[in-house]
Amino acid sequence: MANLNAVGRSTPAAANPSTGGRPPVPVGGFAGALAAQVDRQQGVALSHHANVRVGQRDLGLDHAALQRVGAALDKAQLKGVKTSLIMLDGVAMVANVAERRIVTALPVAASKERVFTNIDGVVFA
């Protein structure tokens, strides 16, 4: 990683001597670091909004579900989809395929109108 100094030149990031030169653990301690690593491996991230909705609606997106979402995003990407509706076990998720990010999630039964806009593909996971 590089830092930009005042004149815009790139300099190497300073190593932390207290950690033996390893980068510091992200905020959130071990649990946060583990969650970030799982997200990187899955290739799926939840936006802040989606994360709040998953918690509020008790949607239970576990490790296996995120793997299935990752596979659905792979399929959507192969077909050139930009914004997808992913259907997974009665849960509807709108995803930005290029960023591999879930934008929002809700139970299909909770969808009042059952109309989703601004998507260009649907994947059943």
N, C-alpha and C. Protein backbone atom coordinates (compact mmCIF):
# COMPACT_ATOMS: atom_id res chain seq x y z
N MET A 1 0.85 -1.16 0.00
CA MET A 1 0.00 0.00 0.00
C MET A 1 0.89 1.22 0.00
N ALA A 2 0.47 2.30 -0.60
CA ALA A 2 1.28 3.49 -0.67
C ALA A 2 0.52 4.68 -0.12
N ASN A 3 1.27 5.63 0.44
CA ASN A 3 0.69 6.88 0.90
C ASN A 3 1.14 7.98 -0.03
N LEU A 4 0.28 8.95 -0.25
CA LEU A 4 0.66 10.09 -1.07
C LEU A 4 1.11 11.21 -0.15
N ASN A 5 2.31 11.76 -0.45
CA ASN A 5 2.75 12.88 0.38
C ASN A 5 2.21 14.18 -0.20
N ALA A 6 2.61 15.30 0.34
CA ALA A 6 2.04 16.59 -0.02
C ALA A 6 2.20 16.93 -1.50
N VAL A 7 3.25 16.46 -2.15
CA VAL A 7 3.44 16.79 -3.55
C VAL A 7 2.93 15.69 -4.47
N GLY A 8 2.28 14.67 -3.91
CA GLY A 8 1.64 13.66 -4.73
C GLY A 8 2.51 12.49 -5.11
N ARG A 9 3.74 12.41 -4.56
CA ARG A 9 4.59 11.27 -4.87
C ARG A 9 4.21 10.10 -3.97
N SER A 10 4.37 8.92 -4.48
CA SER A 10 4.02 7.72 -3.74
C SER A 10 5.19 7.27 -2.90
N THR A 11 4.91 6.96 -1.62
CA THR A 11 5.93 6.43 -0.73
C THR A 11 5.40 5.14 -0.12
N PRO A 12 6.28 4.19 0.21
CA PRO A 12 5.80 2.94 0.80
C PRO A 12 5.12 3.19 2.14
N ALA A 13 4.11 2.38 2.43
CA ALA A 13 3.43 2.47 3.72
C ALA A 13 4.39 2.07 4.82
N ALA A 14 4.32 2.76 5.93
CA ALA A 14 5.22 2.48 7.05
C ALA A 14 4.85 1.16 7.70
N ALA A 15 5.86 0.36 8.00
CA ALA A 15 5.63 -0.90 8.69
C ALA A 15 5.44 -0.62 10.17
N ASN A 16 4.62 -1.38 10.81
CA ASN A 16 4.37 -1.22 12.23
C ASN A 16 5.35 -2.11 12.99
N PRO A 17 6.34 -1.50 13.70
CA PRO A 17 7.35 -2.32 14.38
C PRO A 17 6.76 -3.21 15.47
N SER A 18 5.65 -2.80 16.09
CA SER A 18 5.06 -3.59 17.17
C SER A 18 4.40 -4.87 16.67
N THR A 19 4.12 -4.96 15.37
CA THR A 19 3.51 -6.17 14.80
C THR A 19 4.48 -6.92 13.91
N GLY A 20 5.77 -6.59 14.03
CA GLY A 20 6.76 -7.29 13.23
C GLY A 20 6.67 -6.93 11.75
N GLY A 21 6.16 -5.74 11.43
CA GLY A 21 6.05 -5.31 10.05
C GLY A 21 4.76 -5.74 9.37
N ARG A 22 3.93 -6.56 10.07
CA ARG A 22 2.65 -6.98 9.49
C ARG A 22 1.66 -5.82 9.57
N PRO A 23 0.72 -5.77 8.65
CA PRO A 23 -0.29 -4.71 8.74
C PRO A 23 -1.15 -4.92 9.98
N PRO A 24 -1.68 -3.84 10.54
CA PRO A 24 -2.50 -3.98 11.75
C PRO A 24 -3.79 -4.72 11.45
N VAL A 25 -4.36 -5.36 12.48
CA VAL A 25 -5.65 -6.05 12.35
C VAL A 25 -6.73 -4.98 12.18
N PRO A 26 -7.66 -5.15 11.26
CA PRO A 26 -8.70 -4.14 11.05
C PRO A 26 -9.52 -3.91 12.31
N VAL A 27 -10.16 -2.73 12.35
CA VAL A 27 -11.03 -2.40 13.47
C VAL A 27 -12.09 -3.49 13.58
N GLY A 28 -12.39 -3.90 14.79
CA GLY A 28 -13.34 -4.99 14.99
C GLY A 28 -12.63 -6.23 15.49
N GLY A 29 -11.30 -6.16 15.63
CA GLY A 29 -10.54 -7.28 16.17
C GLY A 29 -10.58 -8.50 15.28
N PHE A 30 -10.44 -9.64 15.92
CA PHE A 30 -10.35 -10.89 15.19
C PHE A 30 -11.63 -11.18 14.42
N ALA A 31 -12.79 -10.95 15.03
CA ALA A 31 -14.07 -11.23 14.36
C ALA A 31 -14.21 -10.39 13.09
N GLY A 32 -13.83 -9.13 13.16
CA GLY A 32 -13.89 -8.26 11.98
C GLY A 32 -12.93 -8.71 10.90
N ALA A 33 -11.72 -9.11 11.32
CA ALA A 33 -10.73 -9.58 10.36
C ALA A 33 -11.19 -10.87 9.69
N LEU A 34 -11.79 -11.77 10.48
CA LEU A 34 -12.29 -13.02 9.93
C LEU A 34 -13.43 -12.77 8.95
N ALA A 35 -14.35 -11.89 9.31
CA ALA A 35 -15.48 -11.56 8.42
C ALA A 35 -14.97 -10.95 7.11
N ALA A 36 -13.98 -10.08 7.20
CA ALA A 36 -13.42 -9.46 6.00
C ALA A 36 -12.76 -10.50 5.11
N GLN A 37 -12.05 -11.46 5.72
CA GLN A 37 -11.39 -12.52 4.95
C GLN A 37 -12.42 -13.41 4.27
N VAL A 38 -13.48 -13.76 4.98
CA VAL A 38 -14.54 -14.59 4.39
C VAL A 38 -15.17 -13.87 3.22
N ASP A 39 -15.43 -12.55 3.37
CA ASP A 39 -16.00 -11.77 2.28
C ASP A 39 -15.09 -11.79 1.06
N ARG A 40 -13.78 -11.65 1.29
CA ARG A 40 -12.85 -11.67 0.16
C ARG A 40 -12.86 -13.03 -0.52
N GLN A 41 -12.92 -14.10 0.26
CA GLN A 41 -12.92 -15.44 -0.33
C GLN A 41 -14.21 -15.71 -1.06
N GLN A 42 -15.32 -15.27 -0.52
CA GLN A 42 -16.61 -15.48 -1.15
C GLN A 42 -16.76 -14.57 -2.37
N GLY A 43 -16.08 -13.43 -2.34
CA GLY A 43 -16.26 -12.47 -3.41
C GLY A 43 -17.60 -11.78 -3.33
N VAL A 44 -18.20 -11.75 -2.13
CA VAL A 44 -19.50 -11.12 -1.94
C VAL A 44 -19.39 -10.17 -0.76
N ALA A 45 -19.90 -8.96 -0.94
CA ALA A 45 -19.93 -7.99 0.14
C ALA A 45 -21.36 -7.49 0.29
N LEU A 46 -21.69 -7.08 1.48
CA LEU A 46 -22.98 -6.47 1.74
C LEU A 46 -22.78 -4.99 1.98
N SER A 47 -23.58 -4.16 1.32
CA SER A 47 -23.52 -2.73 1.60
C SER A 47 -24.00 -2.51 3.03
N HIS A 48 -23.75 -1.33 3.55
CA HIS A 48 -24.22 -1.03 4.90
C HIS A 48 -25.73 -1.19 4.97
N HIS A 49 -26.44 -0.68 3.97
CA HIS A 49 -27.90 -0.79 3.93
C HIS A 49 -28.34 -2.25 3.95
N ALA A 50 -27.72 -3.07 3.12
CA ALA A 50 -28.09 -4.49 3.07
C ALA A 50 -27.79 -5.19 4.38
N ASN A 51 -26.66 -4.85 4.99
CA ASN A 51 -26.28 -5.46 6.26
C ASN A 51 -27.32 -5.13 7.34
N VAL A 52 -27.79 -3.88 7.36
CA VAL A 52 -28.83 -3.47 8.32
C VAL A 52 -30.12 -4.23 8.03
N ARG A 53 -30.49 -4.34 6.76
CA ARG A 53 -31.74 -5.02 6.40
C ARG A 53 -31.69 -6.52 6.74
N VAL A 54 -30.56 -7.14 6.51
CA VAL A 54 -30.42 -8.57 6.84
C VAL A 54 -30.61 -8.77 8.34
N GLY A 55 -30.03 -7.87 9.14
CA GLY A 55 -30.19 -7.96 10.59
C GLY A 55 -31.61 -7.68 11.04
N GLN A 56 -32.22 -6.62 10.50
CA GLN A 56 -33.58 -6.26 10.88
C GLN A 56 -34.59 -7.34 10.51
N ARG A 57 -34.40 -7.94 9.36
CA ARG A 57 -35.37 -8.90 8.84
C ARG A 57 -35.01 -10.34 9.19
N ASP A 58 -33.93 -10.52 9.93
CA ASP A 58 -33.48 -11.85 10.36
C ASP A 58 -33.46 -12.84 9.19
N LEU A 59 -32.73 -12.47 8.14
CA LEU A 59 -32.70 -13.27 6.92
C LEU A 59 -31.73 -14.44 6.99
N GLY A 60 -30.83 -14.42 7.94
CA GLY A 60 -29.95 -15.56 8.15
C GLY A 60 -29.08 -15.92 6.97
N LEU A 61 -28.35 -14.96 6.43
CA LEU A 61 -27.41 -15.26 5.35
C LEU A 61 -26.13 -15.81 5.97
N ASP A 62 -26.01 -17.13 5.98
CA ASP A 62 -24.84 -17.77 6.57
C ASP A 62 -23.78 -18.02 5.50
N HIS A 63 -22.73 -18.70 5.89
CA HIS A 63 -21.59 -18.97 5.00
C HIS A 63 -22.04 -19.70 3.73
N ALA A 64 -22.88 -20.72 3.89
CA ALA A 64 -23.35 -21.50 2.73
C ALA A 64 -24.20 -20.63 1.80
N ALA A 65 -25.03 -19.77 2.37
CA ALA A 65 -25.86 -18.89 1.55
C ALA A 65 -24.99 -17.91 0.77
N LEU A 66 -23.95 -17.37 1.42
CA LEU A 66 -23.07 -16.43 0.72
C LEU A 66 -22.30 -17.13 -0.40
N GLN A 67 -21.98 -18.41 -0.22
CA GLN A 67 -21.34 -19.15 -1.31
C GLN A 67 -22.28 -19.26 -2.50
N ARG A 68 -23.54 -19.52 -2.24
CA ARG A 68 -24.54 -19.62 -3.32
C ARG A 68 -24.74 -18.27 -3.99
N VAL A 69 -24.72 -17.20 -3.22
CA VAL A 69 -24.84 -15.85 -3.79
C VAL A 69 -23.62 -15.57 -4.67
N GLY A 70 -22.44 -15.97 -4.21
CA GLY A 70 -21.23 -15.79 -5.01
C GLY A 70 -21.32 -16.52 -6.34
N ALA A 71 -21.85 -17.75 -6.32
CA ALA A 71 -22.03 -18.51 -7.57
C ALA A 71 -23.05 -17.83 -8.47
N ALA A 72 -24.11 -17.28 -7.87
CA ALA A 72 -25.12 -16.55 -8.66
C ALA A 72 -24.51 -15.31 -9.30
N LEU A 73 -23.66 -14.61 -8.57
CA LEU A 73 -22.99 -13.43 -9.13
C LEU A 73 -22.06 -13.82 -10.28
N ASP A 74 -21.40 -14.98 -10.14
CA ASP A 74 -20.54 -15.47 -11.23
C ASP A 74 -21.37 -15.69 -12.49
N LYS A 75 -22.53 -16.33 -12.35
CA LYS A 75 -23.40 -16.58 -13.50
C LYS A 75 -23.88 -15.28 -14.13
N ALA A 76 -24.27 -14.33 -13.29
CA ALA A 76 -24.75 -13.04 -13.80
C ALA A 76 -23.64 -12.32 -14.54
N GLN A 77 -22.43 -12.37 -14.00
CA GLN A 77 -21.30 -11.70 -14.64
C GLN A 77 -21.00 -12.32 -16.00
N LEU A 78 -21.07 -13.64 -16.10
CA LEU A 78 -20.83 -14.31 -17.38
C LEU A 78 -21.83 -13.89 -18.45
N LYS A 79 -23.04 -13.56 -18.03
CA LYS A 79 -24.09 -13.15 -18.97
C LYS A 79 -24.08 -11.64 -19.23
N GLY A 80 -23.18 -10.91 -18.59
CA GLY A 80 -23.08 -9.47 -18.82
C GLY A 80 -24.08 -8.64 -18.03
N VAL A 81 -24.65 -9.22 -16.98
CA VAL A 81 -25.61 -8.50 -16.15
C VAL A 81 -24.87 -7.47 -15.30
N LYS A 82 -25.47 -6.29 -15.16
CA LYS A 82 -24.86 -5.23 -14.34
C LYS A 82 -25.50 -5.16 -12.97
N THR A 83 -26.81 -5.18 -12.91
CA THR A 83 -27.55 -5.15 -11.65
C THR A 83 -28.53 -6.31 -11.67
N SER A 84 -28.39 -7.20 -10.69
CA SER A 84 -29.17 -8.43 -10.71
C SER A 84 -30.09 -8.53 -9.50
N LEU A 85 -31.20 -9.21 -9.71
CA LEU A 85 -32.05 -9.65 -8.62
C LEU A 85 -31.69 -11.11 -8.39
N ILE A 86 -31.23 -11.42 -7.18
CA ILE A 86 -30.86 -12.79 -6.85
C ILE A 86 -31.93 -13.34 -5.91
N MET A 87 -32.52 -14.46 -6.31
CA MET A 87 -33.55 -15.11 -5.51
C MET A 87 -32.92 -16.31 -4.81
N LEU A 88 -32.98 -16.33 -3.49
CA LEU A 88 -32.34 -17.38 -2.70
C LEU A 88 -33.25 -17.78 -1.54
N ASP A 89 -33.87 -18.93 -1.64
CA ASP A 89 -34.68 -19.48 -0.55
C ASP A 89 -35.69 -18.47 0.01
N GLY A 90 -36.45 -17.83 -0.84
CA GLY A 90 -37.47 -16.89 -0.38
C GLY A 90 -36.94 -15.52 -0.03
N VAL A 91 -35.66 -15.26 -0.31
CA VAL A 91 -35.05 -13.96 -0.06
C VAL A 91 -34.69 -13.35 -1.41
N ALA A 92 -35.09 -12.10 -1.60
CA ALA A 92 -34.75 -11.36 -2.82
C ALA A 92 -33.63 -10.38 -2.48
N MET A 93 -32.56 -10.40 -3.29
CA MET A 93 -31.44 -9.50 -3.08
C MET A 93 -31.12 -8.78 -4.37
N VAL A 94 -30.96 -7.48 -4.29
CA VAL A 94 -30.52 -6.71 -5.44
C VAL A 94 -29.01 -6.55 -5.30
N ALA A 95 -28.28 -6.86 -6.38
CA ALA A 95 -26.82 -6.85 -6.30
C ALA A 95 -26.21 -6.07 -7.45
N ASN A 96 -25.14 -5.34 -7.15
CA ASN A 96 -24.30 -4.73 -8.15
C ASN A 96 -23.29 -5.80 -8.53
N VAL A 97 -23.41 -6.34 -9.73
CA VAL A 97 -22.62 -7.49 -10.13
C VAL A 97 -21.13 -7.14 -10.25
N ALA A 98 -20.81 -6.00 -10.85
CA ALA A 98 -19.41 -5.62 -11.04
C ALA A 98 -18.68 -5.48 -9.71
N GLU A 99 -19.35 -4.91 -8.72
CA GLU A 99 -18.74 -4.73 -7.40
C GLU A 99 -18.92 -5.95 -6.50
N ARG A 100 -19.76 -6.92 -6.96
CA ARG A 100 -20.06 -8.12 -6.19
C ARG A 100 -20.57 -7.73 -4.80
N ARG A 101 -21.50 -6.77 -4.81
CA ARG A 101 -22.03 -6.20 -3.57
C ARG A 101 -23.55 -6.32 -3.55
N ILE A 102 -24.08 -6.87 -2.46
CA ILE A 102 -25.52 -6.91 -2.25
C ILE A 102 -25.94 -5.53 -1.78
N VAL A 103 -26.90 -4.93 -2.49
CA VAL A 103 -27.34 -3.57 -2.20
C VAL A 103 -28.47 -3.58 -1.18
N THR A 104 -29.41 -4.51 -1.32
CA THR A 104 -30.49 -4.65 -0.36
C THR A 104 -31.01 -6.08 -0.39
N ALA A 105 -31.71 -6.45 0.67
CA ALA A 105 -32.25 -7.81 0.77
C ALA A 105 -33.56 -7.76 1.53
N LEU A 106 -34.52 -8.58 1.08
CA LEU A 106 -35.79 -8.66 1.77
C LEU A 106 -36.46 -9.99 1.49
N PRO A 107 -37.30 -10.45 2.41
CA PRO A 107 -38.05 -11.67 2.13
C PRO A 107 -39.06 -11.38 1.02
N VAL A 108 -39.22 -12.32 0.12
CA VAL A 108 -40.14 -12.12 -1.00
C VAL A 108 -41.54 -11.82 -0.49
N ALA A 109 -41.95 -12.47 0.58
CA ALA A 109 -43.29 -12.25 1.14
C ALA A 109 -43.48 -10.81 1.64
N ALA A 110 -42.40 -10.13 2.01
CA ALA A 110 -42.48 -8.77 2.52
C ALA A 110 -42.55 -7.73 1.42
N SER A 111 -42.32 -8.14 0.20
CA SER A 111 -42.36 -7.20 -0.92
C SER A 111 -43.81 -6.84 -1.20
N LYS A 112 -44.18 -5.59 -0.93
CA LYS A 112 -45.57 -5.16 -1.05
C LYS A 112 -46.08 -5.30 -2.48
N GLU A 113 -45.37 -4.72 -3.40
CA GLU A 113 -45.84 -4.72 -4.79
C GLU A 113 -45.27 -5.87 -5.60
N ARG A 114 -44.22 -6.50 -5.07
CA ARG A 114 -43.52 -7.56 -5.79
C ARG A 114 -43.01 -7.09 -7.15
N VAL A 115 -42.54 -5.85 -7.18
CA VAL A 115 -41.97 -5.25 -8.38
C VAL A 115 -40.57 -4.77 -8.03
N PHE A 116 -39.59 -5.18 -8.84
CA PHE A 116 -38.20 -4.75 -8.65
C PHE A 116 -37.80 -3.98 -9.90
N THR A 117 -37.26 -2.80 -9.71
CA THR A 117 -36.87 -1.95 -10.83
C THR A 117 -35.35 -1.80 -10.88
N ASN A 118 -34.89 -1.26 -12.00
CA ASN A 118 -33.47 -0.96 -12.21
C ASN A 118 -32.58 -2.19 -12.12
N ILE A 119 -33.06 -3.31 -12.63
CA ILE A 119 -32.25 -4.52 -12.73
C ILE A 119 -32.23 -4.95 -14.19
N ASP A 120 -31.21 -5.68 -14.59
CA ASP A 120 -31.17 -6.17 -15.96
C ASP A 120 -30.96 -7.69 -16.02
N GLY A 121 -31.19 -8.36 -14.88
CA GLY A 121 -31.09 -9.81 -14.87
C GLY A 121 -31.58 -10.38 -13.56
N VAL A 122 -32.05 -11.60 -13.59
CA VAL A 122 -32.50 -12.32 -12.40
C VAL A 122 -31.78 -13.66 -12.37
N VAL A 123 -31.27 -14.03 -11.19
CA VAL A 123 -30.60 -15.32 -11.01
C VAL A 123 -31.27 -16.03 -9.84
N PHE A 124 -31.67 -17.28 -10.07
CA PHE A 124 -32.20 -18.10 -8.99
C PHE A 124 -31.05 -18.93 -8.45
N ALA A 125 -30.70 -18.67 -7.19
CA ALA A 125 -29.54 -19.35 -6.59
C ALA A 125 -29.96 -20.57 -5.81
